[in-house]
Amino acid sequence: MDYRKIRGRRMSKLALIAVQNAHTDLDVAEKSLAVWRCTGRYSIPFYKVGRHVKYRKSDLEAWLESRCRSNGATA
């Protein structure tokens, strides 16, 4: 498998997904991800590869898990 070192971590280049796939996985609009990145509303880690934005699947899953609530209260 082809590995690259990014920010001190070994990761497969296949672990990065494009915004188009990330917004589908999270069931949010693609523009919402762009606004969240620009405003810092949610701290979902992302990578810039040239002019493209990429996310690690594990980062999206971790962020989504952090949004889980056991009652109706908001954070």
N, C-alpha and C. Protein backbone atom coordinates (compact mmCIF):
# COMPACT_ATOMS: atom_id res chain seq x y z
N MET A 1 0.84 -1.17 0.00
CA MET A 1 0.00 0.00 0.00
C MET A 1 0.89 1.24 0.00
N ASP A 2 0.47 2.25 -0.69
CA ASP A 2 1.24 3.49 -0.79
C ASP A 2 0.97 4.38 0.42
N TYR A 3 2.01 4.67 1.19
CA TYR A 3 1.86 5.53 2.37
C TYR A 3 2.60 6.84 2.19
N ARG A 4 2.06 7.88 2.76
CA ARG A 4 2.71 9.19 2.78
C ARG A 4 2.68 9.70 4.21
N LYS A 5 3.61 10.58 4.54
CA LYS A 5 3.67 11.14 5.88
C LYS A 5 3.07 12.54 5.86
N ILE A 6 1.97 12.73 6.59
CA ILE A 6 1.31 14.02 6.68
C ILE A 6 1.17 14.37 8.15
N ARG A 7 1.73 15.51 8.53
CA ARG A 7 1.68 15.98 9.91
C ARG A 7 2.12 14.90 10.89
N GLY A 8 3.17 14.17 10.54
CA GLY A 8 3.73 13.19 11.44
C GLY A 8 2.96 11.88 11.53
N ARG A 9 1.94 11.71 10.70
CA ARG A 9 1.14 10.49 10.74
C ARG A 9 1.31 9.73 9.44
N ARG A 10 1.36 8.41 9.54
CA ARG A 10 1.36 7.60 8.33
C ARG A 10 -0.09 7.37 7.95
N MET A 11 -0.37 7.57 6.71
CA MET A 11 -1.75 7.36 6.27
C MET A 11 -1.76 6.91 4.82
N SER A 12 -2.69 6.10 4.49
CA SER A 12 -2.87 5.67 3.12
C SER A 12 -3.47 6.83 2.34
N LYS A 13 -3.03 7.01 1.11
CA LYS A 13 -3.62 8.10 0.32
C LYS A 13 -5.09 7.83 0.03
N LEU A 14 -5.52 6.58 0.18
CA LEU A 14 -6.92 6.25 -0.03
C LEU A 14 -7.80 6.66 1.14
N ALA A 15 -7.19 7.02 2.26
CA ALA A 15 -7.95 7.41 3.44
C ALA A 15 -8.55 8.80 3.29
N LEU A 16 -8.08 9.59 2.35
CA LEU A 16 -8.60 10.94 2.14
C LEU A 16 -9.79 10.90 1.17
N ILE A 17 -10.85 11.61 1.54
CA ILE A 17 -12.01 11.66 0.66
C ILE A 17 -12.30 13.12 0.30
N ALA A 18 -12.89 13.30 -0.85
CA ALA A 18 -13.21 14.64 -1.36
C ALA A 18 -14.45 15.20 -0.66
N VAL A 19 -14.60 16.51 -0.75
CA VAL A 19 -15.75 17.19 -0.16
C VAL A 19 -17.05 16.60 -0.69
N GLN A 20 -17.07 16.27 -1.97
CA GLN A 20 -18.29 15.74 -2.59
C GLN A 20 -18.74 14.45 -1.91
N ASN A 21 -17.80 13.64 -1.45
CA ASN A 21 -18.16 12.41 -0.74
C ASN A 21 -18.42 12.69 0.73
N ALA A 22 -17.67 13.61 1.31
CA ALA A 22 -17.82 13.92 2.74
C ALA A 22 -19.21 14.48 3.03
N HIS A 23 -19.69 15.38 2.20
CA HIS A 23 -21.00 15.96 2.48
C HIS A 23 -22.11 14.92 2.35
N THR A 24 -21.93 13.96 1.48
CA THR A 24 -22.91 12.88 1.35
C THR A 24 -22.88 11.98 2.58
N ASP A 25 -21.68 11.66 3.06
CA ASP A 25 -21.54 10.81 4.25
C ASP A 25 -22.17 11.46 5.47
N LEU A 26 -22.05 12.79 5.59
CA LEU A 26 -22.59 13.51 6.74
C LEU A 26 -24.04 13.94 6.54
N ASP A 27 -24.56 13.81 5.33
CA ASP A 27 -25.91 14.21 4.99
C ASP A 27 -26.13 15.70 5.24
N VAL A 28 -25.16 16.50 4.79
CA VAL A 28 -25.26 17.96 4.85
C VAL A 28 -24.92 18.51 3.47
N ALA A 29 -25.28 19.76 3.24
CA ALA A 29 -24.97 20.39 1.96
C ALA A 29 -23.46 20.63 1.83
N GLU A 30 -22.96 20.52 0.62
CA GLU A 30 -21.55 20.78 0.36
C GLU A 30 -21.16 22.19 0.80
N LYS A 31 -22.06 23.14 0.58
CA LYS A 31 -21.81 24.53 0.99
C LYS A 31 -21.70 24.65 2.51
N SER A 32 -22.41 23.81 3.24
CA SER A 32 -22.32 23.85 4.70
C SER A 32 -20.90 23.52 5.16
N LEU A 33 -20.29 22.52 4.55
CA LEU A 33 -18.91 22.18 4.90
C LEU A 33 -17.98 23.35 4.62
N ALA A 34 -18.20 24.04 3.51
CA ALA A 34 -17.37 25.20 3.18
C ALA A 34 -17.53 26.31 4.21
N VAL A 35 -18.76 26.58 4.62
CA VAL A 35 -19.02 27.61 5.62
C VAL A 35 -18.38 27.22 6.95
N TRP A 36 -18.53 25.96 7.35
CA TRP A 36 -17.95 25.50 8.62
C TRP A 36 -16.43 25.63 8.61
N ARG A 37 -15.80 25.34 7.47
CA ARG A 37 -14.34 25.48 7.36
C ARG A 37 -13.93 26.94 7.49
N CYS A 38 -14.63 27.82 6.78
CA CYS A 38 -14.26 29.24 6.74
C CYS A 38 -14.53 29.96 8.06
N THR A 39 -15.62 29.61 8.72
CA THR A 39 -15.99 30.30 9.95
C THR A 39 -15.44 29.62 11.19
N GLY A 40 -15.02 28.37 11.06
CA GLY A 40 -14.55 27.62 12.22
C GLY A 40 -15.67 27.17 13.13
N ARG A 41 -16.89 27.14 12.60
CA ARG A 41 -18.05 26.76 13.43
C ARG A 41 -17.88 25.37 14.02
N TYR A 42 -17.44 24.43 13.23
CA TYR A 42 -17.14 23.08 13.70
C TYR A 42 -15.70 22.78 13.34
N SER A 43 -15.01 22.13 14.23
CA SER A 43 -13.58 21.88 14.00
C SER A 43 -13.37 20.49 13.40
N ILE A 44 -13.78 20.32 12.18
CA ILE A 44 -13.53 19.07 11.46
C ILE A 44 -12.20 19.24 10.74
N PRO A 45 -11.20 18.43 11.09
CA PRO A 45 -9.90 18.57 10.43
C PRO A 45 -10.02 18.32 8.92
N PHE A 46 -9.28 19.09 8.14
CA PHE A 46 -9.28 18.91 6.69
C PHE A 46 -7.90 19.17 6.15
N TYR A 47 -7.66 18.72 4.94
CA TYR A 47 -6.38 18.89 4.26
C TYR A 47 -6.61 19.64 2.97
N LYS A 48 -5.69 20.54 2.65
CA LYS A 48 -5.70 21.20 1.35
C LYS A 48 -4.67 20.48 0.49
N VAL A 49 -5.13 19.98 -0.63
CA VAL A 49 -4.25 19.32 -1.60
C VAL A 49 -4.38 20.13 -2.88
N GLY A 50 -3.43 21.05 -3.06
CA GLY A 50 -3.58 22.01 -4.15
C GLY A 50 -4.76 22.91 -3.82
N ARG A 51 -5.72 22.98 -4.71
CA ARG A 51 -6.92 23.78 -4.42
C ARG A 51 -8.09 22.93 -3.95
N HIS A 52 -7.83 21.64 -3.78
CA HIS A 52 -8.87 20.71 -3.35
C HIS A 52 -8.85 20.52 -1.84
N VAL A 53 -10.03 20.34 -1.26
CA VAL A 53 -10.16 20.07 0.17
C VAL A 53 -10.47 18.59 0.32
N LYS A 54 -9.76 17.96 1.26
CA LYS A 54 -9.95 16.53 1.52
C LYS A 54 -10.15 16.31 3.01
N TYR A 55 -10.89 15.27 3.33
CA TYR A 55 -11.12 14.88 4.72
C TYR A 55 -10.70 13.44 4.90
N ARG A 56 -10.26 13.11 6.13
CA ARG A 56 -10.03 11.71 6.45
C ARG A 56 -11.36 11.13 6.93
N LYS A 57 -11.68 9.97 6.47
CA LYS A 57 -12.93 9.30 6.86
C LYS A 57 -13.00 9.16 8.38
N SER A 58 -11.88 8.79 9.01
CA SER A 58 -11.87 8.61 10.46
C SER A 58 -12.14 9.92 11.20
N ASP A 59 -11.69 11.05 10.66
CA ASP A 59 -11.97 12.35 11.28
C ASP A 59 -13.45 12.69 11.19
N LEU A 60 -14.07 12.38 10.06
CA LEU A 60 -15.51 12.62 9.91
C LEU A 60 -16.31 11.76 10.89
N GLU A 61 -15.91 10.50 11.01
CA GLU A 61 -16.61 9.59 11.92
C GLU A 61 -16.45 10.04 13.37
N ALA A 62 -15.24 10.48 13.74
CA ALA A 62 -14.99 10.95 15.10
C ALA A 62 -15.81 12.21 15.39
N TRP A 63 -15.87 13.14 14.42
CA TRP A 63 -16.65 14.35 14.61
C TRP A 63 -18.14 14.01 14.76
N LEU A 64 -18.62 13.13 13.92
CA LEU A 64 -20.03 12.76 13.99
C LEU A 64 -20.35 12.08 15.31
N GLU A 65 -19.46 11.24 15.78
CA GLU A 65 -19.64 10.57 17.08
C GLU A 65 -19.68 11.60 18.21
N SER A 66 -18.89 12.66 18.10
CA SER A 66 -18.87 13.69 19.14
C SER A 66 -20.18 14.48 19.18
N ARG A 67 -20.95 14.44 18.11
CA ARG A 67 -22.22 15.14 18.04
C ARG A 67 -23.38 14.32 18.62
N CYS A 68 -23.13 13.09 19.02
CA CYS A 68 -24.17 12.20 19.56
C CYS A 68 -24.67 12.74 20.92
N ARG A 69 -25.97 12.78 21.10
CA ARG A 69 -26.57 13.24 22.34
C ARG A 69 -27.49 12.15 22.89
N SER A 70 -27.55 12.03 24.20
CA SER A 70 -28.40 11.00 24.82
C SER A 70 -29.74 11.57 25.27
N ASN A 71 -29.89 12.90 25.20
CA ASN A 71 -31.17 13.51 25.53
C ASN A 71 -31.41 14.69 24.60
N GLY A 72 -32.46 15.43 24.83
CA GLY A 72 -32.82 16.53 23.95
C GLY A 72 -32.02 17.81 24.15
N ALA A 73 -31.12 17.82 25.12
CA ALA A 73 -30.35 19.03 25.39
C ALA A 73 -29.36 19.29 24.26
N THR A 74 -29.13 20.55 23.98
CA THR A 74 -28.12 20.91 22.99
C THR A 74 -26.87 21.37 23.70
N ALA A 75 -25.76 21.28 23.00
CA ALA A 75 -24.49 21.66 23.62
C ALA A 75 -24.10 23.06 23.28
